[in-house]
Amino acid sequence: GLPGLPRPDVVHAHDWHAALTPLLLRAAGVEDVKSVLTIHNLAFQGHAPVEDAARLGLPPPFCGEAGALAWGRLNLMKAGIRYADRITTVSHRYAREILTPEFGWV
């Protein structure tokens, strides 16, 4: 944690910009702080070359297909979805929309 601040119970990450947070908590072995990822716009997922993994602080075990890797690139949104304790969206309607082929993951 940060000096002088209490350790949080929950960290809430919003969209791909902060989606690595759940992965980084897990990689650091932090089990007592839970994470929530809120998806605002699944169309923007935050892609990066695999070569950027070390610079982003991603340990190798978290960089494969079971982790942040998708279609040969790092996908920050996938990492957040994979490692967050809970996933929310900006509305019930959007939650339903992103489960469809037209607006969803695949």
PDB file of N, CA and C in Angstrom:
ATOM      1  N   GLY A   1       0.807  -1.179   0.000  1.00  0.00           N
ATOM      2  CA  GLY A   1       0.000   0.000   0.000  1.00  0.00           C
ATOM      3  C   GLY A   1       0.860   1.256   0.000  1.00  0.00           C
ATOM      4  N   LEU A   2       0.197   2.354   0.044  1.00  0.00           N
ATOM      5  CA  LEU A   2       0.882   3.640   0.092  1.00  0.00           C
ATOM      6  C   LEU A   2       1.106   4.045   1.538  1.00  0.00           C
ATOM      7  N   PRO A   3       2.282   4.570   1.859  1.00  0.00           N
ATOM      8  CA  PRO A   3       2.566   4.969   3.237  1.00  0.00           C
ATOM      9  C   PRO A   3       1.529   5.968   3.747  1.00  0.00           C
ATOM     10  N   GLY A   4       1.038   5.715   4.949  1.00  0.00           N
ATOM     11  CA  GLY A   4       0.088   6.620   5.577  1.00  0.00           C
ATOM     12  C   GLY A   4      -1.362   6.412   5.174  1.00  0.00           C
ATOM     13  N   LEU A   5      -1.619   5.541   4.214  1.00  0.00           N
ATOM     14  CA  LEU A   5      -2.992   5.271   3.788  1.00  0.00           C
ATOM     15  C   LEU A   5      -3.380   3.843   4.162  1.00  0.00           C
ATOM     16  N   PRO A   6      -4.623   3.646   4.584  1.00  0.00           N
ATOM     17  CA  PRO A   6      -5.038   2.280   4.908  1.00  0.00           C
ATOM     18  C   PRO A   6      -5.131   1.423   3.646  1.00  0.00           C
ATOM     19  N   ARG A   7      -4.943   0.141   3.814  1.00  0.00           N
ATOM     20  CA  ARG A   7      -5.057  -0.793   2.695  1.00  0.00           C
ATOM     21  C   ARG A   7      -6.533  -0.890   2.301  1.00  0.00           C
ATOM     22  N   PRO A   8      -6.850  -0.804   1.017  1.00  0.00           N
ATOM     23  CA  PRO A   8      -8.266  -0.863   0.618  1.00  0.00           C
ATOM     24  C   PRO A   8      -8.820  -2.283   0.725  1.00  0.00           C
ATOM     25  N   ASP A   9     -10.123  -2.376   0.850  1.00  0.00           N
ATOM     26  CA  ASP A   9     -10.797  -3.673   0.802  1.00  0.00           C
ATOM     27  C   ASP A   9     -11.055  -4.088  -0.643  1.00  0.00           C
ATOM     28  N   VAL A  10     -11.346  -3.071  -1.476  1.00  0.00           N
ATOM     29  CA  VAL A  10     -11.689  -3.302  -2.879  1.00  0.00           C
ATOM     30  C   VAL A  10     -11.015  -2.240  -3.737  1.00  0.00           C
ATOM     31  N   VAL A  11     -10.504  -2.669  -4.889  1.00  0.00           N
ATOM     32  CA  VAL A  11      -9.983  -1.738  -5.890  1.00  0.00           C
ATOM     33  C   VAL A  11     -10.923  -1.824  -7.088  1.00  0.00           C
ATOM     34  N   HIS A  12     -11.397  -0.663  -7.546  1.00  0.00           N
ATOM     35  CA  HIS A  12     -12.366  -0.611  -8.638  1.00  0.00           C
ATOM     36  C   HIS A  12     -11.681  -0.011  -9.868  1.00  0.00           C
ATOM     37  N   ALA A  13     -11.487  -0.838 -10.886  1.00  0.00           N
ATOM     38  CA  ALA A  13     -10.845  -0.410 -12.130  1.00  0.00           C
ATOM     39  C   ALA A  13     -11.916  -0.124 -13.181  1.00  0.00           C
ATOM     40  N   HIS A  14     -11.700   0.929 -13.961  1.00  0.00           N
ATOM     41  CA  HIS A  14     -12.661   1.313 -14.991  1.00  0.00           C
ATOM     42  C   HIS A  14     -12.046   1.177 -16.377  1.00  0.00           C
ATOM     43  N   ASP A  15     -12.608   0.277 -17.164  1.00  0.00           N
ATOM     44  CA  ASP A  15     -12.286   0.088 -18.569  1.00  0.00           C
ATOM     45  C   ASP A  15     -10.824  -0.344 -18.770  1.00  0.00           C
ATOM     46  N   TRP A  16     -10.403  -0.402 -20.033  1.00  0.00           N
ATOM     47  CA  TRP A  16      -9.091  -0.969 -20.350  1.00  0.00           C
ATOM     48  C   TRP A  16      -7.956  -0.168 -19.749  1.00  0.00           C
ATOM     49  N   HIS A  17      -8.159   1.117 -19.509  1.00  0.00           N
ATOM     50  CA  HIS A  17      -7.087   1.975 -18.999  1.00  0.00           C
ATOM     51  C   HIS A  17      -6.535   1.463 -17.670  1.00  0.00           C
ATOM     52  N   ALA A  18      -7.400   0.870 -16.872  1.00  0.00           N
ATOM     53  CA  ALA A  18      -6.998   0.390 -15.543  1.00  0.00           C
ATOM     54  C   ALA A  18      -7.163  -1.118 -15.411  1.00  0.00           C
ATOM     55  N   ALA A  19      -7.436  -1.798 -16.522  1.00  0.00           N
ATOM     56  CA  ALA A  19      -7.784  -3.216 -16.476  1.00  0.00           C
ATOM     57  C   ALA A  19      -6.649  -4.136 -16.039  1.00  0.00           C
ATOM     58  N   LEU A  20      -5.417  -3.669 -16.054  1.00  0.00           N
ATOM     59  CA  LEU A  20      -4.316  -4.505 -15.566  1.00  0.00           C
ATOM     60  C   LEU A  20      -4.298  -4.605 -14.046  1.00  0.00           C
ATOM     61  N   THR A  21      -5.005  -3.737 -13.374  1.00  0.00           N
ATOM     62  CA  THR A  21      -4.973  -3.709 -11.914  1.00  0.00           C
ATOM     63  C   THR A  21      -5.311  -5.057 -11.288  1.00  0.00           C
ATOM     64  N   PRO A  22      -6.406  -5.728 -11.670  1.00  0.00           N
ATOM     65  CA  PRO A  22      -6.681  -7.038 -11.065  1.00  0.00           C
ATOM     66  C   PRO A  22      -5.561  -8.052 -11.294  1.00  0.00           C
ATOM     67  N   LEU A  23      -4.990  -8.070 -12.494  1.00  0.00           N
ATOM     68  CA  LEU A  23      -3.879  -8.976 -12.784  1.00  0.00           C
ATOM     69  C   LEU A  23      -2.681  -8.652 -11.905  1.00  0.00           C
ATOM     70  N   LEU A  24      -2.343  -7.376 -11.797  1.00  0.00           N
ATOM     71  CA  LEU A  24      -1.171  -6.987 -11.008  1.00  0.00           C
ATOM     72  C   LEU A  24      -1.360  -7.301  -9.526  1.00  0.00           C
ATOM     73  N   LEU A  25      -2.577  -7.156  -9.019  1.00  0.00           N
ATOM     74  CA  LEU A  25      -2.847  -7.554  -7.629  1.00  0.00           C
ATOM     75  C   LEU A  25      -2.598  -9.046  -7.450  1.00  0.00           C
ATOM     76  N   ARG A  26      -3.128  -9.834  -8.375  1.00  0.00           N
ATOM     77  CA  ARG A  26      -2.960 -11.288  -8.295  1.00  0.00           C
ATOM     78  C   ARG A  26      -1.492 -11.671  -8.424  1.00  0.00           C
ATOM     79  N   ALA A  27      -0.790 -11.058  -9.376  1.00  0.00           N
ATOM     80  CA  ALA A  27       0.629 -11.369  -9.587  1.00  0.00           C
ATOM     81  C   ALA A  27       1.468 -11.028  -8.368  1.00  0.00           C
ATOM     82  N   ALA A  28       1.071  -9.991  -7.635  1.00  0.00           N
ATOM     83  CA  ALA A  28       1.804  -9.585  -6.430  1.00  0.00           C
ATOM     84  C   ALA A  28       1.424 -10.431  -5.218  1.00  0.00           C
ATOM     85  N   GLY A  29       0.491 -11.353  -5.399  1.00  0.00           N
ATOM     86  CA  GLY A  29       0.085 -12.211  -4.294  1.00  0.00           C
ATOM     87  C   GLY A  29      -0.859 -11.541  -3.307  1.00  0.00           C
ATOM     88  N   VAL A  30      -1.474 -10.450  -3.717  1.00  0.00           N
ATOM     89  CA  VAL A  30      -2.402  -9.734  -2.838  1.00  0.00           C
ATOM     90  C   VAL A  30      -3.751 -10.451  -2.894  1.00  0.00           C
ATOM     91  N   GLU A  31      -4.072 -11.180  -1.844  1.00  0.00           N
ATOM     92  CA  GLU A  31      -5.307 -11.962  -1.813  1.00  0.00           C
ATOM     93  C   GLU A  31      -6.410 -11.287  -1.009  1.00  0.00           C
ATOM     94  N   ASP A  32      -6.044 -10.368  -0.117  1.00  0.00           N
ATOM     95  CA  ASP A  32      -7.043  -9.773   0.775  1.00  0.00           C
ATOM     96  C   ASP A  32      -7.676  -8.504   0.214  1.00  0.00           C
ATOM     97  N   VAL A  33      -7.249  -8.050  -0.948  1.00  0.00           N
ATOM     98  CA  VAL A  33      -7.859  -6.895  -1.608  1.00  0.00           C
ATOM     99  C   VAL A  33      -8.584  -7.426  -2.842  1.00  0.00           C
ATOM    100  N   LYS A  34      -9.881  -7.238  -2.874  1.00  0.00           N
ATOM    101  CA  LYS A  34     -10.681  -7.715  -4.005  1.00  0.00           C
ATOM    102  C   LYS A  34     -10.694  -6.662  -5.108  1.00  0.00           C
ATOM    103  N   SER A  35     -11.047  -7.098  -6.324  1.00  0.00           N
ATOM    104  CA  SER A  35     -11.058  -6.163  -7.455  1.00  0.00           C
ATOM    105  C   SER A  35     -12.366  -6.252  -8.228  1.00  0.00           C
ATOM    106  N   VAL A  36     -12.769  -5.104  -8.742  1.00  0.00           N
ATOM    107  CA  VAL A  36     -13.951  -4.977  -9.596  1.00  0.00           C
ATOM    108  C   VAL A  36     -13.503  -4.275 -10.872  1.00  0.00           C
ATOM    109  N   LEU A  37     -13.958  -4.769 -11.999  1.00  0.00           N
ATOM    110  CA  LEU A  37     -13.714  -4.107 -13.281  1.00  0.00           C
ATOM    111  C   LEU A  37     -15.057  -3.684 -13.856  1.00  0.00           C
ATOM    112  N   THR A  38     -15.197  -2.400 -14.138  1.00  0.00           N
ATOM    113  CA  THR A  38     -16.397  -1.911 -14.813  1.00  0.00           C
ATOM    114  C   THR A  38     -16.067  -1.663 -16.276  1.00  0.00           C
ATOM    115  N   ILE A  39     -16.847  -2.288 -17.147  1.00  0.00           N
ATOM    116  CA  ILE A  39     -16.665  -2.135 -18.588  1.00  0.00           C
ATOM    117  C   ILE A  39     -17.565  -1.003 -19.070  1.00  0.00           C
ATOM    118  N   HIS A  40     -16.940   0.008 -19.651  1.00  0.00           N
ATOM    119  CA  HIS A  40     -17.672   1.139 -20.216  1.00  0.00           C
ATOM    120  C   HIS A  40     -17.860   0.977 -21.717  1.00  0.00           C
ATOM    121  N   ASN A  41     -16.825   0.482 -22.406  1.00  0.00           N
ATOM    122  CA  ASN A  41     -16.889   0.351 -23.860  1.00  0.00           C
ATOM    123  C   ASN A  41     -15.972  -0.787 -24.289  1.00  0.00           C
ATOM    124  N   LEU A  42     -16.568  -1.943 -24.535  1.00  0.00           N
ATOM    125  CA  LEU A  42     -15.784  -3.130 -24.866  1.00  0.00           C
ATOM    126  C   LEU A  42     -15.077  -3.019 -26.212  1.00  0.00           C
ATOM    127  N   ALA A  43     -15.490  -2.066 -27.038  1.00  0.00           N
ATOM    128  CA  ALA A  43     -14.836  -1.883 -28.336  1.00  0.00           C
ATOM    129  C   ALA A  43     -13.381  -1.449 -28.180  1.00  0.00           C
ATOM    130  N   PHE A  44     -13.078  -0.801 -27.079  1.00  0.00           N
ATOM    131  CA  PHE A  44     -11.708  -0.359 -26.802  1.00  0.00           C
ATOM    132  C   PHE A  44     -11.128  -1.271 -25.733  1.00  0.00           C
ATOM    133  N   GLN A  45     -10.138  -2.097 -26.132  1.00  0.00           N
ATOM    134  CA  GLN A  45      -9.637  -3.124 -25.226  1.00  0.00           C
ATOM    135  C   GLN A  45      -8.205  -2.907 -24.778  1.00  0.00           C
ATOM    136  N   GLY A  46      -7.492  -2.003 -25.387  1.00  0.00           N
ATOM    137  CA  GLY A  46      -6.114  -1.750 -24.990  1.00  0.00           C
ATOM    138  C   GLY A  46      -5.184  -2.871 -25.408  1.00  0.00           C
ATOM    139  N   HIS A  47      -4.713  -2.814 -26.626  1.00  0.00           N
ATOM    140  CA  HIS A  47      -3.793  -3.826 -27.152  1.00  0.00           C
ATOM    141  C   HIS A  47      -2.360  -3.324 -27.091  1.00  0.00           C
ATOM    142  N   ALA A  48      -1.445  -4.248 -26.879  1.00  0.00           N
ATOM    143  CA  ALA A  48      -0.022  -3.912 -26.850  1.00  0.00           C
ATOM    144  C   ALA A  48       0.771  -5.114 -27.357  1.00  0.00           C
ATOM    145  N   PRO A  49       1.944  -4.870 -27.929  1.00  0.00           N
ATOM    146  CA  PRO A  49       2.797  -5.982 -28.350  1.00  0.00           C
ATOM    147  C   PRO A  49       3.235  -6.808 -27.142  1.00  0.00           C
ATOM    148  N   VAL A  50       3.390  -8.097 -27.348  1.00  0.00           N
ATOM    149  CA  VAL A  50       3.839  -8.991 -26.274  1.00  0.00           C
ATOM    150  C   VAL A  50       5.171  -8.511 -25.703  1.00  0.00           C
ATOM    151  N   GLU A  51       5.988  -7.906 -26.534  1.00  0.00           N
ATOM    152  CA  GLU A  51       7.296  -7.420 -26.084  1.00  0.00           C
ATOM    153  C   GLU A  51       7.180  -6.337 -25.005  1.00  0.00           C
ATOM    154  N   ASP A  52       6.025  -5.735 -24.856  1.00  0.00           N
ATOM    155  CA  ASP A  52       5.824  -4.702 -23.829  1.00  0.00           C
ATOM    156  C   ASP A  52       5.490  -5.274 -22.455  1.00  0.00           C
ATOM    157  N   ALA A  53       5.335  -6.578 -22.349  1.00  0.00           N
ATOM    158  CA  ALA A  53       4.896  -7.193 -21.090  1.00  0.00           C
ATOM    159  C   ALA A  53       5.789  -6.822 -19.913  1.00  0.00           C
ATOM    160  N   ALA A  54       7.089  -6.949 -20.062  1.00  0.00           N
ATOM    161  CA  ALA A  54       8.003  -6.638 -18.954  1.00  0.00           C
ATOM    162  C   ALA A  54       7.922  -5.167 -18.573  1.00  0.00           C
ATOM    163  N   ARG A  55       7.824  -4.301 -19.562  1.00  0.00           N
ATOM    164  CA  ARG A  55       7.737  -2.866 -19.290  1.00  0.00           C
ATOM    165  C   ARG A  55       6.449  -2.518 -18.541  1.00  0.00           C
ATOM    166  N   LEU A  56       5.397  -3.298 -18.787  1.00  0.00           N
ATOM    167  CA  LEU A  56       4.125  -3.092 -18.103  1.00  0.00           C
ATOM    168  C   LEU A  56       4.077  -3.765 -16.731  1.00  0.00           C
ATOM    169  N   GLY A  57       5.136  -4.495 -16.397  1.00  0.00           N
ATOM    170  CA  GLY A  57       5.191  -5.165 -15.100  1.00  0.00           C
ATOM    171  C   GLY A  57       4.465  -6.491 -15.058  1.00  0.00           C
ATOM    172  N   LEU A  58       4.250  -7.106 -16.221  1.00  0.00           N
ATOM    173  CA  LEU A  58       3.526  -8.371 -16.273  1.00  0.00           C
ATOM    174  C   LEU A  58       4.483  -9.545 -16.158  1.00  0.00           C
ATOM    175  N   PRO A  59       4.355 -10.353 -15.124  1.00  0.00           N
ATOM    176  CA  PRO A  59       5.201 -11.540 -15.005  1.00  0.00           C
ATOM    177  C   PRO A  59       4.866 -12.546 -16.115  1.00  0.00           C
ATOM    178  N   PRO A  60       5.850 -13.274 -16.618  1.00  0.00           N
ATOM    179  CA  PRO A  60       5.622 -14.227 -17.712  1.00  0.00           C
ATOM    180  C   PRO A  60       4.446 -15.189 -17.511  1.00  0.00           C
ATOM    181  N   PRO A  61       4.208 -15.729 -16.296  1.00  0.00           N
ATOM    182  CA  PRO A  61       3.074 -16.658 -16.167  1.00  0.00           C
ATOM    183  C   PRO A  61       1.708 -16.033 -16.485  1.00  0.00           C
ATOM    184  N   PHE A  62       1.625 -14.726 -16.487  1.00  0.00           N
ATOM    185  CA  PHE A  62       0.358 -14.039 -16.734  1.00  0.00           C
ATOM    186  C   PHE A  62       0.232 -13.544 -18.176  1.00  0.00           C
ATOM    187  N   CYS A  63       1.184 -13.894 -19.021  1.00  0.00           N
ATOM    188  CA  CYS A  63       1.214 -13.354 -20.386  1.00  0.00           C
ATOM    189  C   CYS A  63       0.775 -14.343 -21.454  1.00  0.00           C
ATOM    190  N   GLY A  64       0.349 -15.525 -21.068  1.00  0.00           N
ATOM    191  CA  GLY A  64      -0.084 -16.514 -22.049  1.00  0.00           C
ATOM    192  C   GLY A  64      -1.556 -16.400 -22.379  1.00  0.00           C
ATOM    193  N   GLU A  65      -2.060 -17.369 -23.151  1.00  0.00           N
ATOM    194  CA  GLU A  65      -3.472 -17.376 -23.550  1.00  0.00           C
ATOM    195  C   GLU A  65      -4.405 -17.423 -22.345  1.00  0.00           C
ATOM    196  N   ALA A  66      -3.984 -18.055 -21.258  1.00  0.00           N
ATOM    197  CA  ALA A  66      -4.816 -18.102 -20.051  1.00  0.00           C
ATOM    198  C   ALA A  66      -4.772 -16.780 -19.289  1.00  0.00           C
ATOM    199  N   GLY A  67      -3.903 -15.884 -19.696  1.00  0.00           N
ATOM    200  CA  GLY A  67      -3.770 -14.591 -19.027  1.00  0.00           C
ATOM    201  C   GLY A  67      -4.131 -13.443 -19.936  1.00  0.00           C
ATOM    202  N   ALA A  68      -3.160 -12.589 -20.221  1.00  0.00           N
ATOM    203  CA  ALA A  68      -3.415 -11.345 -20.953  1.00  0.00           C
ATOM    204  C   ALA A  68      -3.287 -11.474 -22.472  1.00  0.00           C
ATOM    205  N   LEU A  69      -2.833 -12.603 -22.970  1.00  0.00           N
ATOM    206  CA  LEU A  69      -2.604 -12.755 -24.407  1.00  0.00           C
ATOM    207  C   LEU A  69      -3.898 -13.090 -25.148  1.00  0.00           C
ATOM    208  N   ALA A  70      -4.139 -12.385 -26.248  1.00  0.00           N
ATOM    209  CA  ALA A  70      -5.282 -12.672 -27.117  1.00  0.00           C
ATOM    210  C   ALA A  70      -4.880 -12.365 -28.549  1.00  0.00           C
ATOM    211  N   TRP A  71      -4.999 -13.354 -29.407  1.00  0.00           N
ATOM    212  CA  TRP A  71      -4.674 -13.195 -30.824  1.00  0.00           C
ATOM    213  C   TRP A  71      -3.260 -12.645 -31.047  1.00  0.00           C
ATOM    214  N   GLY A  72      -2.307 -13.133 -30.242  1.00  0.00           N
ATOM    215  CA  GLY A  72      -0.909 -12.781 -30.427  1.00  0.00           C
ATOM    216  C   GLY A  72      -0.476 -11.445 -29.858  1.00  0.00           C
ATOM    217  N   ARG A  73      -1.358 -10.759 -29.152  1.00  0.00           N
ATOM    218  CA  ARG A  73      -1.027  -9.463 -28.544  1.00  0.00           C
ATOM    219  C   ARG A  73      -1.530  -9.448 -27.107  1.00  0.00           C
ATOM    220  N   LEU A  74      -0.963  -8.562 -26.310  1.00  0.00           N
ATOM    221  CA  LEU A  74      -1.498  -8.352 -24.973  1.00  0.00           C
ATOM    222  C   LEU A  74      -2.826  -7.620 -25.107  1.00  0.00           C
ATOM    223  N   ASN A  75      -3.799  -8.055 -24.352  1.00  0.00           N
ATOM    224  CA  ASN A  75      -5.114  -7.429 -24.369  1.00  0.00           C
ATOM    225  C   ASN A  75      -5.442  -7.061 -22.922  1.00  0.00           C
ATOM    226  N   LEU A  76      -5.382  -5.772 -22.613  1.00  0.00           N
ATOM    227  CA  LEU A  76      -5.548  -5.323 -21.236  1.00  0.00           C
ATOM    228  C   LEU A  76      -6.956  -5.588 -20.720  1.00  0.00           C
ATOM    229  N   MET A  77      -7.961  -5.432 -21.566  1.00  0.00           N
ATOM    230  CA  MET A  77      -9.332  -5.702 -21.141  1.00  0.00           C
ATOM    231  C   MET A  77      -9.505  -7.178 -20.808  1.00  0.00           C
ATOM    232  N   LYS A  78      -8.943  -8.052 -21.637  1.00  0.00           N
ATOM    233  CA  LYS A  78      -9.026  -9.485 -21.354  1.00  0.00           C
ATOM    234  C   LYS A  78      -8.395  -9.787 -20.006  1.00  0.00           C
ATOM    235  N   ALA A  79      -7.252  -9.181 -19.730  1.00  0.00           N
ATOM    236  CA  ALA A  79      -6.585  -9.402 -18.443  1.00  0.00           C
ATOM    237  C   ALA A  79      -7.492  -8.991 -17.288  1.00  0.00           C
ATOM    238  N   GLY A  80      -8.145  -7.841 -17.429  1.00  0.00           N
ATOM    239  CA  GLY A  80      -9.045  -7.388 -16.373  1.00  0.00           C
ATOM    240  C   GLY A  80     -10.219  -8.319 -16.180  1.00  0.00           C
ATOM    241  N   ILE A  81     -10.820  -8.756 -17.283  1.00  0.00           N
ATOM    242  CA  ILE A  81     -11.953  -9.672 -17.201  1.00  0.00           C
ATOM    243  C   ILE A  81     -11.518 -10.995 -16.587  1.00  0.00           C
ATOM    244  N   ARG A  82     -10.360 -11.462 -16.973  1.00  0.00           N
ATOM    245  CA  ARG A  82      -9.858 -12.753 -16.484  1.00  0.00           C
ATOM    246  C   ARG A  82      -9.547 -12.731 -14.987  1.00  0.00           C
ATOM    247  N   TYR A  83      -8.981 -11.649 -14.488  1.00  0.00           N
ATOM    248  CA  TYR A  83      -8.475 -11.642 -13.115  1.00  0.00           C
ATOM    249  C   TYR A  83      -9.316 -10.858 -12.111  1.00  0.00           C
ATOM    250  N   ALA A  84     -10.277 -10.067 -12.548  1.00  0.00           N
ATOM    251  CA  ALA A  84     -11.114  -9.325 -11.597  1.00  0.00           C
ATOM    252  C   ALA A  84     -11.998 -10.293 -10.812  1.00  0.00           C
ATOM    253  N   ASP A  85     -12.240  -9.947  -9.562  1.00  0.00           N
ATOM    254  CA  ASP A  85     -13.137 -10.763  -8.747  1.00  0.00           C
ATOM    255  C   ASP A  85     -14.589 -10.583  -9.174  1.00  0.00           C
ATOM    256  N   ARG A  86     -14.926  -9.409  -9.660  1.00  0.00           N
ATOM    257  CA  ARG A  86     -16.275  -9.115 -10.144  1.00  0.00           C
ATOM    258  C   ARG A  86     -16.183  -8.212 -11.373  1.00  0.00           C
ATOM    259  N   ILE A  87     -17.156  -8.388 -12.284  1.00  0.00           N
ATOM    260  CA  ILE A  87     -17.245  -7.574 -13.492  1.00  0.00           C
ATOM    261  C   ILE A  87     -18.587  -6.851 -13.453  1.00  0.00           C
ATOM    262  N   THR A  88     -18.573  -5.556 -13.752  1.00  0.00           N
ATOM    263  CA  THR A  88     -19.814  -4.799 -13.885  1.00  0.00           C
ATOM    264  C   THR A  88     -19.763  -4.040 -15.206  1.00  0.00           C
ATOM    265  N   THR A  89     -20.908  -3.541 -15.603  1.00  0.00           N
ATOM    266  CA  THR A  89     -20.980  -2.689 -16.785  1.00  0.00           C
ATOM    267  C   THR A  89     -21.717  -1.412 -16.399  1.00  0.00           C
ATOM    268  N   VAL A  90     -21.776  -0.484 -17.316  1.00  0.00           N
ATOM    269  CA  VAL A  90     -22.399   0.808 -17.033  1.00  0.00           C
ATOM    270  C   VAL A  90     -23.920   0.730 -16.971  1.00  0.00           C
ATOM    271  N   SER A  91     -24.503  -0.362 -17.453  1.00  0.00           N
ATOM    272  CA  SER A  91     -25.957  -0.530 -17.366  1.00  0.00           C
ATOM    273  C   SER A  91     -26.308  -1.997 -17.591  1.00  0.00           C
ATOM    274  N   HIS A  92     -27.520  -2.362 -17.198  1.00  0.00           N
ATOM    275  CA  HIS A  92     -27.999  -3.723 -17.452  1.00  0.00           C
ATOM    276  C   HIS A  92     -28.101  -3.975 -18.957  1.00  0.00           C
ATOM    277  N   ARG A  93     -28.560  -2.962 -19.677  1.00  0.00           N
ATOM    278  CA  ARG A  93     -28.691  -3.104 -21.126  1.00  0.00           C
ATOM    279  C   ARG A  93     -27.335  -3.364 -21.778  1.00  0.00           C
ATOM    280  N   TYR A  94     -26.313  -2.606 -21.370  1.00  0.00           N
ATOM    281  CA  TYR A  94     -24.987  -2.804 -21.954  1.00  0.00           C
ATOM    282  C   TYR A  94     -24.451  -4.191 -21.605  1.00  0.00           C
ATOM    283  N   ALA A  95     -24.739  -4.668 -20.416  1.00  0.00           N
ATOM    284  CA  ALA A  95     -24.316  -6.020 -20.032  1.00  0.00           C
ATOM    285  C   ALA A  95     -24.915  -7.050 -20.989  1.00  0.00           C
ATOM    286  N   ARG A  96     -26.166  -6.886 -21.335  1.00  0.00           N
ATOM    287  CA  ARG A  96     -26.803  -7.805 -22.283  1.00  0.00           C
ATOM    288  C   ARG A  96     -26.213  -7.647 -23.689  1.00  0.00           C
ATOM    289  N   GLU A  97     -25.977  -6.404 -24.100  1.00  0.00           N
ATOM    290  CA  GLU A  97     -25.452  -6.149 -25.448  1.00  0.00           C
ATOM    291  C   GLU A  97     -24.096  -6.810 -25.675  1.00  0.00           C
ATOM    292  N   ILE A  98     -23.206  -6.721 -24.698  1.00  0.00           N
ATOM    293  CA  ILE A  98     -21.857  -7.259 -24.919  1.00  0.00           C
ATOM    294  C   ILE A  98     -21.813  -8.784 -24.865  1.00  0.00           C
ATOM    295  N   LEU A  99     -22.944  -9.398 -24.585  1.00  0.00           N
ATOM    296  CA  LEU A  99     -23.024 -10.854 -24.650  1.00  0.00           C
ATOM    297  C   LEU A  99     -23.480 -11.338 -26.025  1.00  0.00           C
ATOM    298  N   THR A 100     -23.759 -10.411 -26.928  1.00  0.00           N
ATOM    299  CA  THR A 100     -24.206 -10.780 -28.273  1.00  0.00           C
ATOM    300  C   THR A 100     -23.018 -10.807 -29.236  1.00  0.00           C
ATOM    301  N   PRO A 101     -23.128 -11.585 -30.321  1.00  0.00           N
ATOM    302  CA  PRO A 101     -22.038 -11.607 -31.308  1.00  0.00           C
ATOM    303  C   PRO A 101     -21.753 -10.231 -31.914  1.00  0.00           C
ATOM    304  N   GLU A 102     -22.775  -9.413 -32.076  1.00  0.00           N
ATOM    305  CA  GLU A 102     -22.594  -8.102 -32.703  1.00  0.00           C
ATOM    306  C   GLU A 102     -21.742  -7.158 -31.859  1.00  0.00           C
ATOM    307  N   PHE A 103     -21.945  -7.169 -30.556  1.00  0.00           N
ATOM    308  CA  PHE A 103     -21.255  -6.212 -29.689  1.00  0.00           C
ATOM    309  C   PHE A 103     -20.284  -6.859 -28.710  1.00  0.00           C
ATOM    310  N   GLY A 104     -20.182  -8.170 -28.735  1.00  0.00           N
ATOM    311  CA  GLY A 104     -19.424  -8.868 -27.708  1.00  0.00           C
ATOM    312  C   GLY A 104     -17.968  -9.093 -28.005  1.00  0.00           C
ATOM    313  N   TRP A 105     -17.408  -9.953 -27.234  1.00  0.00           N
ATOM    314  CA  TRP A 105     -15.977 -10.242 -27.217  1.00  0.00           C
ATOM    315  C   TRP A 105     -15.497 -10.800 -28.542  1.00  0.00           C
ATOM    316  N   VAL A 106     -16.199 -11.793 -29.075  1.00  0.00           N
ATOM    317  CA  VAL A 106     -15.735 -12.488 -30.278  1.00  0.00           C
ATOM    318  C   VAL A 106     -16.608 -12.112 -31.455  1.00  0.00           C
TER     319      VAL A 106
END
